[in-house]
Amino acid sequence: MTPTRVAALIGPGDRIGYEGRWRTVKTAKTDIGAMGGLFVVVTWEEGGIERFRAGDELLLKRPGSA
């Protein structure tokens, strides 16, 4: 079973499964949406930025797994 973590708890170095590949979190910061919802803005080591709702469950790669 692949572990998950809510977006609000991810941090630098976490490996997240996103858009069909594993990406590494460079930075993660919180933001407030237009309707007042809490979001997490992630900058990837591989380049690019993505925004997730704080409660979204993301796939987390275990350390040492291929």
Protein backbone atom coordinates (compact mmCIF):
# COMPACT_ATOMS: atom_id res chain seq x y z
CA MET A 1 0.00 0.00 0.00
CA THR A 2 1.36 3.43 -0.94
CA PRO A 3 1.42 5.85 2.00
CA THR A 4 -0.29 9.23 1.77
CA ARG A 5 0.08 12.51 3.59
CA VAL A 6 -2.20 15.53 3.63
CA ALA A 7 -0.75 18.51 1.76
CA ALA A 8 -0.63 20.63 4.92
CA LEU A 9 2.01 18.26 6.38
CA ILE A 10 4.46 17.98 3.47
CA GLY A 11 7.88 19.60 3.60
CA PRO A 12 11.18 19.97 1.79
CA GLY A 13 12.65 16.68 0.63
CA ASP A 14 9.34 14.78 0.55
CA ARG A 15 8.85 12.71 -2.64
CA ILE A 16 5.30 13.14 -3.94
CA GLY A 17 3.60 11.21 -6.76
CA TYR A 18 2.10 13.84 -9.07
CA GLU A 19 1.07 13.79 -12.74
CA GLY A 20 2.40 10.27 -13.24
CA ARG A 21 5.90 10.77 -11.81
CA TRP A 22 7.69 11.28 -8.51
CA ARG A 23 8.66 14.86 -7.69
CA THR A 24 10.68 16.27 -4.81
CA VAL A 25 9.36 19.15 -2.69
CA LYS A 26 11.80 22.08 -2.65
CA THR A 27 9.63 24.45 -0.61
CA ALA A 28 6.09 24.39 0.72
CA LYS A 29 4.20 27.42 2.02
CA THR A 30 0.61 28.14 2.92
CA ASP A 31 -1.72 30.52 1.10
CA ILE A 32 -5.33 31.64 1.46
CA GLY A 33 -7.63 31.17 -1.55
CA ALA A 34 -10.16 33.67 -2.87
CA MET A 35 -12.95 32.07 -0.82
CA GLY A 36 -10.83 31.83 2.36
CA GLY A 37 -9.70 28.22 1.96
CA LEU A 38 -6.24 27.12 3.08
CA PHE A 39 -3.86 25.99 0.32
CA VAL A 40 -0.28 24.72 0.17
CA VAL A 41 1.94 26.09 -2.60
CA VAL A 42 4.70 23.62 -3.52
CA THR A 43 7.85 24.43 -5.48
CA TRP A 44 9.37 21.30 -7.04
CA GLU A 45 13.13 20.54 -7.19
CA GLU A 46 12.49 19.48 -10.80
CA GLY A 47 11.03 22.92 -11.61
CA GLY A 48 7.53 24.34 -11.48
CA ILE A 49 4.99 25.23 -8.84
CA GLU A 50 1.70 23.58 -7.87
CA ARG A 51 -1.07 24.52 -5.45
CA PHE A 52 -2.99 21.96 -3.39
CA ARG A 53 -5.87 22.28 -0.93
CA ALA A 54 -4.42 21.78 2.55
CA GLY A 55 -6.57 18.66 3.11
CA ASP A 56 -5.70 16.92 -0.19
CA GLU A 57 -4.08 13.52 0.29
CA LEU A 58 -0.88 13.14 -1.73
CA LEU A 59 1.03 9.95 -2.53
CA LEU A 60 4.26 9.81 -0.54
CA LYS A 61 7.27 7.74 -1.65
CA ARG A 62 8.98 5.83 1.11
CA PRO A 63 12.70 6.57 1.61
CA GLY A 64 14.87 3.98 -0.10
CA SER A 65 12.13 2.65 -2.43
CA ALA A 66 12.88 2.56 -6.15
